[in-house]
N, C-alpha and C. Protein backbone atom coordinates (compact mmCIF):
# COMPACT_ATOMS: atom_id res chain seq x y z
N UNK A 1 35.47 -27.53 -47.47
CA UNK A 1 34.11 -27.95 -47.77
C UNK A 1 34.10 -29.43 -48.14
N UNK A 2 33.05 -30.07 -47.71
CA UNK A 2 32.87 -31.47 -48.09
C UNK A 2 32.15 -31.54 -49.43
N UNK A 3 32.15 -32.72 -50.02
CA UNK A 3 31.43 -32.92 -51.27
C UNK A 3 29.94 -32.61 -51.13
N UNK A 4 29.36 -32.97 -49.99
CA UNK A 4 27.94 -32.71 -49.75
C UNK A 4 27.66 -31.21 -49.67
N UNK A 5 28.56 -30.46 -49.02
CA UNK A 5 28.38 -29.01 -48.90
C UNK A 5 28.47 -28.35 -50.27
N UNK A 6 29.37 -28.81 -51.10
CA UNK A 6 29.50 -28.26 -52.45
C UNK A 6 28.24 -28.55 -53.24
N UNK A 7 27.71 -29.77 -53.12
CA UNK A 7 26.49 -30.15 -53.84
C UNK A 7 25.32 -29.26 -53.43
N UNK A 8 25.16 -29.02 -52.14
CA UNK A 8 24.08 -28.16 -51.65
C UNK A 8 24.26 -26.75 -52.18
N UNK A 9 25.47 -26.24 -52.14
CA UNK A 9 25.73 -24.88 -52.62
C UNK A 9 25.38 -24.75 -54.10
N UNK A 10 25.71 -25.76 -54.90
CA UNK A 10 25.41 -25.73 -56.33
C UNK A 10 23.91 -25.86 -56.57
N UNK A 11 23.24 -26.72 -55.81
CA UNK A 11 21.82 -26.94 -56.01
C UNK A 11 20.98 -25.73 -55.60
N UNK A 12 21.47 -24.89 -54.75
CA UNK A 12 20.72 -23.73 -54.28
C UNK A 12 21.28 -22.43 -54.85
N UNK A 13 21.63 -22.46 -56.10
CA UNK A 13 22.23 -21.29 -56.74
C UNK A 13 21.16 -20.23 -57.00
N UNK A 14 21.49 -19.00 -56.68
CA UNK A 14 20.58 -17.87 -56.91
C UNK A 14 21.34 -16.74 -57.58
N UNK A 15 20.67 -16.05 -58.47
CA UNK A 15 21.22 -14.82 -59.06
C UNK A 15 20.56 -13.65 -58.35
N UNK A 16 21.29 -12.57 -58.24
CA UNK A 16 20.75 -11.37 -57.60
C UNK A 16 20.90 -10.18 -58.54
N UNK A 17 19.82 -9.45 -58.70
CA UNK A 17 19.83 -8.21 -59.48
C UNK A 17 19.90 -7.08 -58.48
N UNK A 18 21.00 -6.37 -58.47
CA UNK A 18 21.18 -5.34 -57.45
C UNK A 18 21.23 -3.92 -58.01
N UNK A 19 21.37 -3.78 -59.33
CA UNK A 19 21.54 -2.43 -59.85
C UNK A 19 21.16 -2.36 -61.33
N UNK A 20 20.48 -1.29 -61.70
CA UNK A 20 20.24 -0.92 -63.10
C UNK A 20 20.73 0.51 -63.25
N UNK A 21 21.48 0.77 -64.28
CA UNK A 21 21.88 2.15 -64.56
C UNK A 21 21.56 2.40 -66.03
N UNK A 22 20.45 3.03 -66.25
CA UNK A 22 19.97 3.31 -67.61
C UNK A 22 20.14 4.81 -67.86
N UNK A 23 20.77 5.15 -68.96
CA UNK A 23 20.97 6.56 -69.31
C UNK A 23 19.60 7.25 -69.43
N UNK A 24 19.51 8.48 -68.96
CA UNK A 24 18.22 9.19 -68.95
C UNK A 24 17.47 9.16 -70.28
N UNK A 25 18.18 9.29 -71.38
CA UNK A 25 17.49 9.32 -72.68
C UNK A 25 16.94 7.96 -73.11
N UNK A 26 17.31 6.88 -72.40
CA UNK A 26 16.81 5.54 -72.72
C UNK A 26 15.81 5.01 -71.70
N UNK A 27 15.54 5.78 -70.66
CA UNK A 27 14.58 5.35 -69.65
C UNK A 27 13.16 5.35 -70.22
N UNK A 28 12.33 4.42 -69.68
CA UNK A 28 10.93 4.28 -70.08
C UNK A 28 10.80 3.84 -71.53
N UNK A 29 11.83 3.13 -72.03
CA UNK A 29 11.80 2.60 -73.39
C UNK A 29 11.95 1.08 -73.40
N UNK A 30 11.87 0.46 -72.22
CA UNK A 30 11.94 -1.00 -72.16
C UNK A 30 13.32 -1.59 -71.98
N UNK A 31 14.33 -0.75 -71.81
CA UNK A 31 15.70 -1.25 -71.68
C UNK A 31 15.87 -2.07 -70.39
N UNK A 32 15.44 -1.53 -69.27
CA UNK A 32 15.57 -2.25 -67.99
C UNK A 32 14.76 -3.54 -68.01
N UNK A 33 13.57 -3.50 -68.61
CA UNK A 33 12.74 -4.71 -68.72
C UNK A 33 13.47 -5.77 -69.54
N UNK A 34 14.05 -5.38 -70.65
CA UNK A 34 14.79 -6.33 -71.49
C UNK A 34 15.99 -6.91 -70.74
N UNK A 35 16.70 -6.08 -70.00
CA UNK A 35 17.85 -6.57 -69.22
C UNK A 35 17.40 -7.57 -68.15
N UNK A 36 16.32 -7.24 -67.46
CA UNK A 36 15.84 -8.12 -66.40
C UNK A 36 15.34 -9.45 -66.98
N UNK A 37 14.65 -9.38 -68.10
CA UNK A 37 14.21 -10.63 -68.76
C UNK A 37 15.41 -11.47 -69.20
N UNK A 38 16.47 -10.81 -69.64
CA UNK A 38 17.68 -11.54 -70.04
C UNK A 38 18.32 -12.24 -68.84
N UNK A 39 18.35 -11.57 -67.69
CA UNK A 39 18.88 -12.19 -66.47
C UNK A 39 18.07 -13.44 -66.13
N UNK A 40 16.75 -13.34 -66.22
CA UNK A 40 15.87 -14.47 -65.93
C UNK A 40 16.13 -15.61 -66.91
N UNK A 41 16.18 -15.29 -68.21
CA UNK A 41 16.44 -16.31 -69.22
C UNK A 41 17.78 -17.00 -68.99
N UNK A 42 18.82 -16.21 -68.69
CA UNK A 42 20.14 -16.79 -68.41
C UNK A 42 20.10 -17.68 -67.17
N UNK A 43 19.38 -17.25 -66.15
CA UNK A 43 19.28 -18.05 -64.93
C UNK A 43 18.63 -19.40 -65.22
N UNK A 44 17.60 -19.40 -66.03
CA UNK A 44 16.93 -20.65 -66.40
C UNK A 44 17.89 -21.55 -67.18
N UNK A 45 18.56 -20.97 -68.17
CA UNK A 45 19.50 -21.73 -69.00
C UNK A 45 20.64 -22.30 -68.17
N UNK A 46 21.10 -21.55 -67.17
CA UNK A 46 22.24 -21.95 -66.35
C UNK A 46 21.84 -22.72 -65.10
N UNK A 47 20.59 -23.14 -65.03
CA UNK A 47 20.08 -23.97 -63.92
C UNK A 47 20.17 -23.30 -62.55
N UNK A 48 19.94 -22.01 -62.49
CA UNK A 48 19.84 -21.35 -61.19
C UNK A 48 18.47 -21.67 -60.59
N UNK A 49 18.38 -21.65 -59.28
CA UNK A 49 17.13 -22.00 -58.62
C UNK A 49 16.23 -20.78 -58.41
N UNK A 50 16.80 -19.60 -58.44
CA UNK A 50 16.00 -18.39 -58.19
C UNK A 50 16.75 -17.16 -58.68
N UNK A 51 15.97 -16.10 -58.89
CA UNK A 51 16.54 -14.79 -59.17
C UNK A 51 15.94 -13.85 -58.14
N UNK A 52 16.80 -13.13 -57.44
CA UNK A 52 16.36 -12.17 -56.42
C UNK A 52 16.48 -10.76 -56.97
N UNK A 53 15.55 -9.92 -56.58
CA UNK A 53 15.62 -8.52 -56.94
C UNK A 53 15.45 -7.67 -55.70
N UNK A 54 15.93 -6.47 -55.76
CA UNK A 54 15.86 -5.57 -54.61
C UNK A 54 15.31 -4.21 -55.06
N UNK A 55 14.05 -4.20 -55.48
CA UNK A 55 13.49 -2.96 -56.03
C UNK A 55 13.29 -1.88 -54.97
N UNK A 56 13.21 -0.69 -55.47
CA UNK A 56 12.96 0.47 -54.62
C UNK A 56 11.46 0.72 -54.56
N UNK A 57 10.94 0.93 -53.37
CA UNK A 57 9.52 1.22 -53.20
C UNK A 57 9.42 2.64 -52.66
N UNK A 58 9.18 3.58 -53.56
CA UNK A 58 9.08 5.00 -53.22
C UNK A 58 8.10 5.69 -54.16
N UNK A 59 7.55 6.79 -53.72
CA UNK A 59 6.65 7.55 -54.59
C UNK A 59 7.40 8.39 -55.62
N UNK A 60 8.59 8.81 -55.28
CA UNK A 60 9.36 9.59 -56.24
C UNK A 60 10.71 8.95 -56.48
N UNK A 61 11.30 9.25 -57.63
CA UNK A 61 12.57 8.66 -58.00
C UNK A 61 13.72 9.57 -57.60
N UNK A 62 14.77 8.95 -57.09
CA UNK A 62 15.99 9.68 -56.75
C UNK A 62 17.11 9.20 -57.65
N UNK A 63 18.07 10.05 -57.90
CA UNK A 63 19.18 9.72 -58.78
C UNK A 63 19.92 8.46 -58.34
N UNK A 64 19.99 8.21 -57.04
CA UNK A 64 20.74 7.07 -56.52
C UNK A 64 19.89 5.79 -56.43
N UNK A 65 18.64 5.84 -56.88
CA UNK A 65 17.79 4.64 -56.90
C UNK A 65 18.19 3.80 -58.11
N UNK A 66 19.14 2.94 -57.95
CA UNK A 66 19.65 2.19 -59.10
C UNK A 66 19.16 0.75 -59.14
N UNK A 67 18.35 0.32 -58.20
CA UNK A 67 17.88 -1.07 -58.19
C UNK A 67 16.66 -1.27 -59.08
N UNK A 68 15.99 -0.21 -59.44
CA UNK A 68 14.80 -0.32 -60.27
C UNK A 68 13.53 -0.28 -59.44
N UNK A 69 12.44 0.16 -60.03
CA UNK A 69 11.18 0.26 -59.30
C UNK A 69 10.49 -1.10 -59.16
N UNK A 70 9.65 -1.21 -58.17
CA UNK A 70 8.91 -2.45 -57.91
C UNK A 70 8.11 -2.89 -59.13
N UNK A 71 7.46 -1.96 -59.82
CA UNK A 71 6.62 -2.33 -60.96
C UNK A 71 7.44 -3.02 -62.07
N UNK A 72 8.71 -2.69 -62.20
CA UNK A 72 9.57 -3.36 -63.18
C UNK A 72 9.67 -4.85 -62.89
N UNK A 73 9.91 -5.18 -61.64
CA UNK A 73 10.05 -6.57 -61.24
C UNK A 73 8.72 -7.32 -61.33
N UNK A 74 7.65 -6.67 -60.90
CA UNK A 74 6.33 -7.31 -60.96
C UNK A 74 5.92 -7.58 -62.41
N UNK A 75 6.27 -6.68 -63.30
CA UNK A 75 5.91 -6.82 -64.71
C UNK A 75 6.47 -8.10 -65.34
N UNK A 76 7.64 -8.55 -64.88
CA UNK A 76 8.26 -9.75 -65.46
C UNK A 76 8.06 -10.99 -64.60
N UNK A 77 7.19 -10.88 -63.57
CA UNK A 77 6.80 -12.07 -62.84
C UNK A 77 7.35 -12.24 -61.43
N UNK A 78 8.13 -11.29 -60.95
CA UNK A 78 8.60 -11.39 -59.57
C UNK A 78 7.41 -11.23 -58.62
N UNK A 79 7.49 -11.88 -57.48
CA UNK A 79 6.46 -11.73 -56.45
C UNK A 79 7.13 -11.30 -55.15
N UNK A 80 6.38 -10.56 -54.37
CA UNK A 80 6.91 -10.14 -53.06
C UNK A 80 6.95 -11.33 -52.12
N UNK A 81 8.01 -11.46 -51.37
CA UNK A 81 8.05 -12.57 -50.41
C UNK A 81 7.05 -12.33 -49.29
N UNK A 82 6.53 -13.41 -48.76
CA UNK A 82 5.66 -13.32 -47.60
C UNK A 82 6.55 -13.45 -46.38
N UNK A 83 6.61 -12.39 -45.62
CA UNK A 83 7.48 -12.38 -44.46
C UNK A 83 6.68 -12.65 -43.21
N UNK A 84 7.14 -13.59 -42.47
CA UNK A 84 6.49 -13.91 -41.21
C UNK A 84 7.59 -14.08 -40.18
N UNK A 85 7.55 -13.27 -39.16
CA UNK A 85 8.61 -13.33 -38.17
C UNK A 85 8.02 -13.21 -36.79
N UNK A 86 8.34 -14.16 -35.97
CA UNK A 86 7.94 -14.11 -34.58
C UNK A 86 9.19 -14.28 -33.74
N UNK A 87 9.43 -13.38 -32.83
CA UNK A 87 10.64 -13.51 -32.01
C UNK A 87 10.56 -14.76 -31.12
N UNK A 88 11.68 -15.40 -30.98
CA UNK A 88 11.71 -16.61 -30.15
C UNK A 88 11.78 -16.26 -28.67
N UNK A 89 12.14 -15.03 -28.37
CA UNK A 89 12.17 -14.59 -26.97
C UNK A 89 11.95 -13.09 -26.95
N UNK A 90 11.48 -12.60 -25.85
CA UNK A 90 11.25 -11.17 -25.72
C UNK A 90 12.59 -10.47 -25.45
N UNK A 91 12.73 -9.33 -26.05
CA UNK A 91 13.93 -8.52 -25.82
C UNK A 91 13.49 -7.28 -25.04
N UNK A 92 14.11 -7.07 -23.93
CA UNK A 92 13.78 -5.91 -23.10
C UNK A 92 14.97 -4.96 -23.07
N UNK A 93 14.65 -3.71 -23.23
CA UNK A 93 15.68 -2.67 -23.13
C UNK A 93 15.56 -1.98 -21.78
N UNK A 94 16.68 -1.67 -21.20
CA UNK A 94 16.66 -0.98 -19.91
C UNK A 94 17.12 0.45 -20.06
């Protein structure tokens, strides 16, 4: 890596929240919210440029849904990305 590549990598630092595992008896008591707010606070303190989350969007909860629900992320200020994608060429299947 060149010095310029290292500088770009450092300037575009992002944290990712990929999993929450809260014991059943502590769910719906604000534990996940407190953890997520702590990640955000740490990211600000450590000069990260963004925090990414990968919430689950489902009507019912499954045991393996460990990323957290969408409402958790929205509650602390996350916004959904605006996705816009146009293919640069048509793909045909035969």
